[in-house]
Every structure is written in structure tokens, then in C-alpha cells.
Protein backbone atom coordinates (compact mmCIF):
# COMPACT_ATOMS: atom_id res chain seq x y z
CA UNK A 1 23.13 43.54 8.30
CA UNK A 2 22.14 45.69 5.34
CA UNK A 3 19.10 44.98 3.13
CA UNK A 4 21.42 44.28 0.21
CA UNK A 5 23.30 41.62 2.23
CA UNK A 6 20.01 39.98 3.26
CA UNK A 7 18.90 39.77 -0.37
CA UNK A 8 22.25 38.24 -1.31
CA UNK A 9 21.90 35.54 1.38
CA UNK A 10 18.32 34.71 0.38
CA UNK A 11 19.43 34.41 -3.23
CA UNK A 12 22.42 32.24 -2.29
CA UNK A 13 20.37 29.49 -0.54
CA UNK A 14 18.29 28.31 -3.52
CA UNK A 15 21.33 28.56 -5.77
CA UNK A 16 23.13 26.05 -3.53
CA UNK A 17 20.28 23.62 -4.01
CA UNK A 18 20.40 24.12 -7.78
CA UNK A 19 24.16 23.53 -7.87
CA UNK A 20 23.70 20.41 -5.73
CA UNK A 21 21.20 18.86 -8.14
CA UNK A 22 23.25 19.82 -11.18
CA UNK A 23 26.15 17.99 -9.57
CA UNK A 24 23.95 14.95 -8.81
CA UNK A 25 22.66 14.79 -12.37
CA UNK A 26 26.18 15.11 -13.74
CA UNK A 27 27.41 12.27 -11.53
CA UNK A 28 24.43 10.17 -12.57
CA UNK A 29 25.09 10.71 -16.25
CA UNK A 30 28.72 9.75 -15.75
CA UNK A 31 27.63 6.56 -14.01
CA UNK A 32 25.30 5.73 -16.88
CA UNK A 33 27.93 6.18 -19.54
CA UNK A 34 30.90 4.46 -17.91
CA UNK A 35 31.78 0.84 -17.40
CA UNK A 36 29.74 -2.36 -17.48
CA UNK A 37 27.47 -1.14 -14.67
CA UNK A 38 25.98 1.57 -16.83
CA UNK A 39 22.77 1.68 -18.84
CA UNK A 40 24.15 3.37 -21.94
CA UNK A 41 22.05 3.29 -25.13
CA UNK A 42 19.10 1.96 -23.11
CA UNK A 43 20.94 -1.31 -22.44
CA UNK A 44 18.63 -2.66 -19.79
CA UNK A 45 18.80 -6.15 -21.26
CA UNK A 46 22.62 -5.99 -21.37
CA UNK A 47 22.69 -5.28 -17.64
CA UNK A 48 20.29 -8.11 -16.89
CA UNK A 49 21.92 -10.50 -19.31
CA UNK A 50 20.58 -12.50 -22.24
CA UNK A 51 17.43 -14.50 -21.67
CA UNK A 52 16.49 -12.55 -18.52
CA UNK A 53 13.58 -10.22 -17.96
CA UNK A 54 12.43 -7.90 -15.22
CA UNK A 55 9.18 -8.94 -13.58
CA UNK A 56 7.33 -6.08 -11.93
CA UNK A 57 6.30 -8.07 -8.91
CA UNK A 58 7.02 -7.15 -5.34
CA UNK A 59 10.13 -8.82 -3.95
CA UNK A 60 9.58 -7.67 -0.39
CA UNK A 61 7.16 -9.03 2.17
CA UNK A 62 5.47 -7.47 5.16
CA UNK A 63 5.00 -9.04 8.55
CA UNK A 64 1.31 -8.43 9.07
CA UNK A 65 -1.17 -11.25 8.54
CA UNK A 66 -3.45 -9.07 6.40
CA UNK A 67 -0.64 -8.12 4.01
CA UNK A 68 -1.79 -10.61 1.39
CA UNK A 69 -4.79 -8.37 0.72
CA UNK A 70 -2.67 -5.29 0.14
CA UNK A 71 -1.92 -4.17 -3.39
CA UNK A 72 1.68 -3.19 -4.05
CA UNK A 73 2.14 0.36 -5.38
CA UNK A 74 4.95 1.07 -7.83
CA UNK A 75 7.76 3.41 -6.81
CA UNK A 76 7.79 5.05 -10.25
CA UNK A 77 4.56 6.96 -11.04
CA UNK A 78 5.09 6.24 -14.73
CA UNK A 79 4.96 2.50 -14.08
CA UNK A 80 2.04 2.98 -11.70
CA UNK A 81 0.08 4.75 -14.43
CA UNK A 82 0.65 1.91 -16.90
CA UNK A 83 -0.44 -0.66 -14.33
CA UNK A 84 -3.43 1.51 -13.42
CA UNK A 85 -4.62 1.69 -17.03
CA UNK A 86 -4.39 -2.05 -17.46
CA UNK A 87 -6.14 -2.59 -14.14
CA UNK A 88 -8.90 -0.21 -15.27
CA UNK A 89 -9.39 -2.23 -18.43
CA UNK A 90 -9.59 -5.44 -16.42
CA UNK A 91 -12.04 -3.83 -14.00
CA UNK A 92 -14.14 -2.59 -16.91
CA UNK A 93 -14.15 -6.04 -18.47
CA UNK A 94 -15.27 -7.61 -15.19
CA UNK A 95 -17.94 -4.94 -14.70
CA UNK A 96 -19.32 -5.43 -18.21
CA UNK A 97 -19.41 -9.18 -17.66
CA UNK A 98 -21.48 -8.62 -14.53
CA UNK A 99 -23.83 -6.32 -16.41
CA UNK A 100 -24.22 -8.87 -19.18
CA UNK A 101 -24.92 -11.61 -16.66
CA UNK A 102 -27.57 -9.52 -14.95
CA UNK A 103 -29.27 -8.41 -18.18
CA UNK A 104 -28.58 -11.62 -20.17
CA UNK A 105 -27.82 -10.03 -23.56
CA UNK A 106 -28.47 -11.78 -26.82
CA UNK A 107 -25.68 -13.99 -28.22
CA UNK A 108 -25.04 -11.43 -30.96
CA UNK A 109 -24.14 -8.71 -28.44
CA UNK A 110 -21.21 -6.51 -29.45
CA UNK A 111 -17.86 -8.10 -28.62
CA UNK A 112 -15.32 -6.32 -26.44
CA UNK A 113 -11.73 -5.38 -27.33
CA UNK A 114 -8.93 -7.85 -26.86
CA UNK A 115 -8.09 -6.90 -23.27
CA UNK A 116 -4.92 -9.01 -23.08
CA UNK A 117 -3.36 -6.88 -25.82
CA UNK A 118 -3.26 -3.86 -23.52
CA UNK A 119 0.31 -3.00 -22.49
CA UNK A 120 1.88 -4.52 -19.38
CA UNK A 121 4.19 -2.36 -17.28
CA UNK A 122 6.81 -5.09 -17.41
CA UNK A 123 6.68 -5.06 -21.23
CA UNK A 124 7.37 -1.34 -21.14
CA UNK A 125 10.29 -1.69 -18.72
CA UNK A 126 11.79 -4.43 -20.87
CA UNK A 127 11.57 -2.33 -24.04
CA UNK A 128 15.10 -0.94 -24.26
CA UNK A 129 14.07 1.59 -26.91
CA UNK A 130 11.55 3.27 -24.64
CA UNK A 131 12.69 2.88 -21.04
CA UNK A 132 15.94 3.67 -19.24
CA UNK A 133 16.03 2.77 -15.54
CA UNK A 134 18.93 5.06 -14.66
CA UNK A 135 17.39 8.05 -16.37
CA UNK A 136 14.13 7.48 -14.50
CA UNK A 137 15.89 7.26 -11.13
CA UNK A 138 17.84 10.44 -11.83
CA UNK A 139 14.58 12.16 -12.74
CA UNK A 140 12.73 10.92 -9.64
CA UNK A 141 15.53 11.54 -7.12
CA UNK A 142 14.94 15.29 -6.61
CA UNK A 143 11.18 14.72 -6.40
CA UNK A 144 11.68 12.42 -3.42
CA UNK A 145 14.54 14.40 -1.85
CA UNK A 146 12.50 17.31 -0.54
CA UNK A 147 12.67 17.38 3.25
CA UNK A 148 15.40 18.52 3.29
CA UNK A 149 16.80 18.66 -0.24
CA UNK A 150 20.27 17.51 0.81
CA UNK A 151 21.29 15.00 -1.86
CA UNK A 152 20.15 11.96 0.15
CA UNK A 153 16.88 10.08 0.54
CA UNK A 154 16.00 9.48 4.18
CA UNK A 155 13.68 6.78 5.47
CA UNK A 156 11.04 9.45 6.12
CA UNK A 157 11.31 10.86 2.60
CA UNK A 158 10.93 7.41 1.08
CA UNK A 159 7.97 6.68 3.34
CA UNK A 160 6.30 9.99 2.44
CA UNK A 161 6.83 9.30 -1.26
CA UNK A 162 5.33 5.82 -1.07
CA UNK A 163 2.41 7.07 1.00
CA UNK A 164 1.67 9.80 -1.55
CA UNK A 165 1.68 7.27 -4.41
CA UNK A 166 -0.44 4.81 -2.42
CA UNK A 167 -3.11 7.33 -1.43
CA UNK A 168 -3.36 8.48 -5.04
CA UNK A 169 -3.92 4.86 -6.08
CA UNK A 170 -6.49 4.31 -3.33
CA UNK A 171 -8.47 7.37 -4.40
CA UNK A 172 -8.35 6.24 -8.02
CA UNK A 173 -9.93 2.92 -7.05
CA UNK A 174 -12.52 4.80 -4.99
CA UNK A 175 -13.46 6.98 -7.97
CA UNK A 176 -13.85 3.85 -10.06
CA UNK A 177 -16.13 2.23 -7.48
CA UNK A 178 -18.10 5.45 -7.07
CA UNK A 179 -18.77 5.48 -10.79
CA UNK A 180 -20.19 2.01 -10.41
CA UNK A 181 -22.47 2.68 -7.42
CA UNK A 182 -23.50 6.30 -8.02
CA UNK A 183 -26.51 5.33 -10.10
CA UNK A 184 -28.00 8.83 -10.50
CA UNK A 185 -24.57 10.44 -11.12
CA UNK A 186 -24.97 13.16 -8.49
CA UNK A 187 -21.51 12.63 -7.01
CA UNK A 188 -22.99 10.97 -3.92
CA UNK A 189 -23.69 7.37 -2.92
CA UNK A 190 -26.82 6.57 -0.94
CA UNK A 191 -27.32 3.46 1.13
CA UNK A 192 -29.88 2.27 -1.39
CA UNK A 193 -27.39 2.65 -4.25
CA UNK A 194 -24.78 0.55 -2.50
CA UNK A 195 -25.76 -3.10 -2.57
CA UNK A 196 -24.25 -6.16 -0.82
CA UNK A 197 -20.93 -7.58 -2.03
CA UNK A 198 -21.18 -10.68 -4.21
CA UNK A 199 -20.04 -12.99 -1.41
CA UNK A 200 -23.02 -11.82 0.66
CA UNK A 201 -25.45 -12.21 -2.21
CA UNK A 202 -24.14 -15.70 -2.95
CA UNK A 203 -24.46 -16.73 0.68
CA UNK A 204 -28.26 -16.70 0.44
CA UNK A 205 -28.39 -15.32 3.96
CA UNK A 206 -27.94 -11.55 3.89
CA UNK A 207 -29.20 -11.14 7.44
CA UNK A 208 -26.24 -13.15 8.72
CA UNK A 209 -23.88 -10.55 7.30
CA UNK A 210 -26.08 -7.51 7.63
CA UNK A 211 -27.04 -5.07 10.32
CA UNK A 212 -26.61 -7.64 13.10
CA UNK A 213 -22.89 -7.99 12.40
CA UNK A 214 -22.40 -4.43 11.18
CA UNK A 215 -20.07 -5.75 8.51
CA UNK A 216 -21.01 -3.64 5.51
CA UNK A 217 -24.57 -2.42 6.05
CA UNK A 218 -26.08 0.56 7.82
CA UNK A 219 -23.73 0.63 10.80
CA UNK A 220 -20.67 0.87 8.58
CA UNK A 221 -22.39 3.27 6.19
CA UNK A 222 -23.58 5.59 8.97
CA UNK A 223 -20.13 5.63 10.59
CA UNK A 224 -18.68 6.77 7.26
CA UNK A 225 -21.30 9.52 6.86
CA UNK A 226 -19.48 12.27 8.79
CA UNK A 227 -21.91 15.09 8.00
CA UNK A 228 -24.94 12.91 8.70
CA UNK A 229 -26.83 13.77 5.51
CA UNK A 230 -27.48 10.13 4.64
CA UNK A 231 -25.19 10.28 1.59
CA UNK A 232 -21.51 9.57 1.08
CA UNK A 233 -19.49 12.14 -0.85
CA UNK A 234 -16.18 11.25 -2.46
CA UNK A 235 -14.13 11.56 0.74
CA UNK A 236 -16.70 9.74 2.87
CA UNK A 237 -17.02 6.95 0.30
CA UNK A 238 -13.24 6.60 0.24
CA UNK A 239 -13.29 6.25 4.04
CA UNK A 240 -16.13 3.74 3.72
CA UNK A 241 -14.06 1.56 1.39
CA UNK A 242 -10.75 2.08 3.25
CA UNK A 243 -11.56 2.68 6.94
CA UNK A 244 -8.00 1.86 8.04
CA UNK A 245 -6.75 5.02 6.30
CA UNK A 246 -9.45 7.26 7.72
CA UNK A 247 -9.20 9.84 10.51
CA UNK A 248 -12.95 9.60 11.06
CA UNK A 249 -13.38 8.82 14.78
CA UNK A 250 -16.75 7.15 14.15
CA UNK A 251 -15.13 4.70 11.73
CA UNK A 252 -12.35 3.95 14.21
CA UNK A 253 -15.00 3.19 16.83
CA UNK A 254 -16.81 0.98 14.32
CA UNK A 255 -13.60 -0.98 13.60
CA UNK A 256 -13.07 -1.54 17.33
CA UNK A 257 -16.67 -2.64 17.73
CA UNK A 258 -16.27 -5.10 14.87
CA UNK A 259 -13.19 -6.64 16.48
CA UNK A 260 -15.01 -7.17 19.77
CA UNK A 261 -18.08 -8.51 17.97
CA UNK A 262 -16.08 -10.97 15.89
CA UNK A 263 -14.00 -12.34 18.81
CA UNK A 264 -16.68 -12.25 21.49
CA UNK A 265 -17.51 -15.96 21.66
CA UNK A 266 -19.72 -15.76 24.77
CA UNK A 267 -21.60 -12.72 23.34
CA UNK A 268 -21.33 -10.56 26.44
CA UNK A 269 -20.18 -7.50 24.46
CA UNK A 270 -16.58 -7.55 25.73
CA UNK A 271 -13.39 -9.61 25.47
CA UNK A 272 -12.02 -11.71 28.30
CA UNK A 273 -8.39 -12.82 28.24
CA UNK A 274 -8.95 -16.18 26.44
CA UNK A 275 -10.93 -14.40 23.71
CA UNK A 276 -8.15 -11.84 23.35
CA UNK A 277 -5.37 -14.41 23.51
CA UNK A 278 -6.84 -16.80 20.93
CA UNK A 279 -8.29 -14.13 18.67
CA UNK A 280 -6.36 -10.86 18.59
CA UNK A 281 -2.99 -11.28 20.22
CA UNK A 282 -1.23 -12.91 17.26
CA UNK A 283 -2.43 -10.17 14.91
CA UNK A 284 -1.09 -7.47 17.22
CA UNK A 285 2.17 -9.32 17.86
CA UNK A 286 2.83 -9.90 14.17
CA UNK A 287 2.44 -6.19 13.52
CA UNK A 288 5.29 -5.38 15.90
CA UNK A 289 7.89 -8.11 16.30
CA UNK A 290 9.23 -6.37 19.39
CA UNK A 291 6.19 -7.59 21.32
CA UNK A 292 7.57 -11.12 21.27
CA UNK A 293 10.49 -12.61 19.39
CA UNK A 294 9.66 -16.00 17.89
CA UNK A 295 13.36 -16.73 17.41
CA UNK A 296 13.38 -17.51 21.14
CA UNK A 297 11.20 -20.57 20.62
CA UNK A 298 12.08 -23.14 23.26
CA UNK A 299 10.46 -25.57 25.64
CA UNK A 300 8.81 -22.63 27.44
CA UNK A 301 7.54 -20.95 24.29
CA UNK A 302 3.84 -21.16 25.11
CA UNK A 303 4.25 -19.85 28.65
CA UNK A 304 6.39 -16.94 27.40
CA UNK A 305 3.83 -16.18 24.73
CA UNK A 306 0.98 -16.21 27.25
CA UNK A 307 2.91 -14.01 29.67
CA UNK A 308 3.54 -11.49 26.89
CA UNK A 309 -0.17 -11.55 25.98
CA UNK A 310 -1.22 -11.00 29.60
CA UNK A 311 1.12 -8.03 29.87
CA UNK A 312 -0.41 -6.41 26.79
CA UNK A 313 -3.95 -7.28 27.94
CA UNK A 314 -3.29 -5.56 31.29
CA UNK A 315 -1.93 -2.47 29.57
CA UNK A 316 -5.05 -2.18 27.41
CA UNK A 317 -7.48 -2.88 30.27
CA UNK A 318 -7.60 0.71 31.52
CA UNK A 319 -10.38 0.22 34.06
CA UNK A 320 -8.80 -3.03 35.36
CA UNK A 321 -12.04 -5.00 35.25
CA UNK A 322 -10.48 -8.01 33.50
CA UNK A 323 -12.23 -7.31 30.18
CA UNK A 324 -11.54 -5.26 27.07
CA UNK A 325 -14.28 -2.97 25.81
CA UNK A 326 -14.43 -1.39 22.35
CA UNK A 327 -12.77 1.87 23.37
CA UNK A 328 -9.89 0.00 25.03
CA UNK A 329 -8.88 -1.48 21.66
CA UNK A 330 -8.29 1.92 20.08
CA UNK A 331 -4.53 2.03 20.97
CA UNK A 332 -3.94 -1.13 18.87
CA UNK A 333 -6.59 -0.81 16.16
CA UNK A 334 -3.98 0.39 13.65
CA UNK A 335 -2.12 -2.89 14.24
CA UNK A 336 -5.27 -4.92 13.62
CA UNK A 337 -6.12 -2.85 10.54
CA UNK A 338 -2.85 -1.46 9.14
CA UNK A 339 -3.31 1.36 6.64
CA UNK A 340 -1.26 2.66 3.75
CA UNK A 341 1.09 4.49 6.11
CA UNK A 342 2.16 1.15 7.59
CA UNK A 343 2.83 -0.37 4.18
CA UNK A 344 4.65 2.77 3.01
CA UNK A 345 7.08 2.41 5.90
CA UNK A 346 7.53 -1.29 5.11
CA UNK A 347 8.50 -0.42 1.53
CA UNK A 348 10.83 2.36 2.66
CA UNK A 349 12.51 0.04 5.17
CA UNK A 350 12.98 -2.56 2.48
CA UNK A 351 14.61 -0.12 0.06
CA UNK A 352 16.99 1.21 2.69
CA UNK A 353 17.91 -2.33 3.72
CA UNK A 354 18.61 -3.44 0.14
CA UNK A 355 20.29 -0.38 -1.38
CA UNK A 356 22.07 1.36 1.52
CA UNK A 357 25.58 0.13 0.71
CA UNK A 358 27.43 2.29 3.26
CA UNK A 359 24.82 1.63 5.99
CA UNK A 360 24.32 5.29 6.90
CA UNK A 361 20.54 4.95 6.98
CA UNK A 362 19.91 6.94 3.79
CA UNK A 363 20.29 6.55 0.05
CA UNK A 364 22.47 8.50 -2.34
CA UNK A 365 21.76 8.67 -6.05
CA UNK A 366 24.75 6.40 -6.68
CA UNK A 367 23.31 3.76 -4.33
CA UNK A 368 20.01 3.92 -6.20
CA UNK A 369 21.74 3.57 -9.56
CA UNK A 370 23.77 0.64 -8.21
CA UNK A 371 20.58 -1.11 -7.01
CA UNK A 372 17.96 -0.02 -9.57
CA UNK A 373 15.75 -3.10 -9.44
CA UNK A 374 15.01 -2.56 -5.77
CA UNK A 375 12.92 0.42 -6.87
CA UNK A 376 11.13 -1.51 -9.60
CA UNK A 377 10.24 -4.50 -7.42
CA UNK A 378 12.22 -6.67 -9.78
CA UNK A 379 12.40 -10.43 -9.78
CA UNK A 380 14.61 -11.93 -12.47
CA UNK A 381 13.39 -15.00 -14.33
CA UNK A 382 14.54 -17.12 -17.23
CA UNK A 383 12.39 -16.57 -20.29
CA UNK A 384 12.32 -20.34 -20.80
CA UNK A 385 10.48 -20.75 -17.48
CA UNK A 386 8.28 -17.73 -16.91
CA UNK A 387 6.54 -19.32 -13.92
CA UNK A 388 9.75 -19.99 -11.97
CA UNK A 389 10.37 -16.76 -10.04
CA UNK A 390 13.53 -16.17 -8.06
CA UNK A 391 13.88 -13.42 -5.53
CA UNK A 392 17.38 -12.06 -6.04
CA UNK A 393 17.41 -10.22 -2.72
CA UNK A 394 16.91 -13.14 -0.29
């Protein structure tokens, strides 16, 4: 093959991708402009119908017991940024209230802005003069369709996209917390700068939640301090606040130790089968429904459940001594403490399930445009009853 032919082939490959996206955009624009399913002249309200609004609240649920503590991350970075700004204002308001409570300012202290007037993401989405759902999906499609750029969104691509958005949000919250605790503004947090959470302070018994239990104090702090300099930099502080998303082996060991410590009722430093069965098994099982299917509930439910638990216990008990030590929990610690990767897959699964009309396991741009509210976590409500939410996808 000549050098000229090689150059022609190399040039031809990216051009195919360009033509593909031009075709996708053209199809998308046609879909917007034609028929009652379109969003022409920003007619979001016309699609939803009179008296209906989009509520930017998650309409999917995850199976894990800890999911209630997880903050949903918007699919659209534009919406995420609006929500982030409002959340920052609310955080700032709460922080200032704490400062005022600690320092007890005079009654004539300067008043704060009207926080509730700050824009809601849902207000922005429902403003037909400023937001067009179809246009946003057409814009986002090629940013998600990257591996490979083939005109379809795979489960992996959706998961990677959600994970990227989630980790960005997590780091933003870390930066906000670091600003709060980094008293000398050196970009590092010392153990002395980080003080107990309010629920510990209010308990009146710090020792019960302190070093003995390793919940938040020195044990946790030292496990997060990878370079051992006694200070947490930005990455280490992020791992400190979100250990489930960390690759720090010391933090993983700390999480395992905490699980044993919390479930170890006889305080022998290890878990016997009853302690595992009545403490951890349900959390692990709920992470992966394949472990045991509750739809098979029958007269022998409890015996089937116990048999399944014993099987898992035996698999984890590597030295076959009838007990589980800290290191033996490592294979399931991500089930006990699911990280953002787990939730990203849950969101990707949900979107495929709801929008994949031809059931080929991937999403085309047309399928996204036909199911736009799946990507904006939409729940429709009547304006007359704003508190009565209906999940349209169940």
C-alpha cells in the first residue's frame, strides 16, 4: 500500500464519524419539527399538556439499603450546574447560621439574601423560552457516544457518563467541605482542624463515637492519609469523606474493620455465622438480587434464606475456621458500601430499560427523543396539587 493510500484511509475514518453525526443531528431536527411529538418553538409545555410541570426528582430507585443516603446526579450537566449553585447557596446559608449560633451576633447583624429566590433547575426546564429538551439531548448525544462513536449509546457509555458527572459532583462537595475545615487555608486539613460531626457533639459522649469505634476520628483520618504526613490534601480529604469511592487499600481495610466492629456482638474481634446472618447478609443480598430471589417466598423461606447465607459465609471464610475476619470481608465490601460506580450503573440500567424501544440493549437518538423525561428524572404533577407526585414509568 502506498503512502498516499494510507493517508487517504486515515483521512476517511474521521470523515465517516463526522458524516454520521451530521446525519444524526439532521434526523433529530426533523423529529423536533414534525408532528405532535416534536418540541418545536420550545413547546415543552405543549408536549406535557396544560397544567402539568416537570419535576426534577429521580423516578428510579436502587435496590441497596443505603440508597436513601445517595444524592441523585442529573444526566444533563447544565441542569446539574443549576442544582449545584442552589445547593451551594443553601450550604452557605446553613454554614452562616452555624457561625452565627457559635458567635451569637447582635440582633442588628446584616441580613442575608433571599435564598429561596435563587433559581430552581425545574423552573429553568419549565421555561419554554430558555430550555428545549430535544435540542439538549441532540447536543449531549455525541458527548456520551464516544466508545465507540457508532450512533448508539451502550450501557457502558451511559454508565461512564453518569460516573463522570457523579465524581465531578462528589469532588465539588469535597472542595466545599475543605473550604470549611481548612482553617489556615494551606490547602490541607489537619486532624485538629477537623472536628466531630454535630451528631457526635450533641451526643455529649464523644468517647463513645471516637477512637474506640474508629468511626470518624484518628483511625479513619490516618487511613485516609496515604502519604503519612499527618495532613489530608484534596484527594486524601475526598477519600476521607467518600471512602467507598476510594482505591486506598488502607481505607478499604478500615471499612472492613468497621463492619466487623459494628456487628461483633460478643466482642471477640471476628464474626461468627449468627453475627453475619443477622447483621450483614441482608445488606449483601440486597446489593445483588441473584444471591436470593425473594419472589420465591414460601413456607420454607427462612430455611432457604439461611442456606443461602451459609453458602456465602463458607465462600468468604477462606481459612475455614468458622469465623470471618476483617480481610475476609474485602470481596463484598463494595456491596456493603456501594460507591458512585454502583449508582452510575443503576441509572444506566434504568435508562436502557425505560427508553430502549426496540430492546437491542442500546439507545439511538430517536429513542432518547421519544423518551426525553427519562433523562431528566421527570415526574409529572398537576399544578393544583404540587405535593401529589406520580411516577409515570411504574
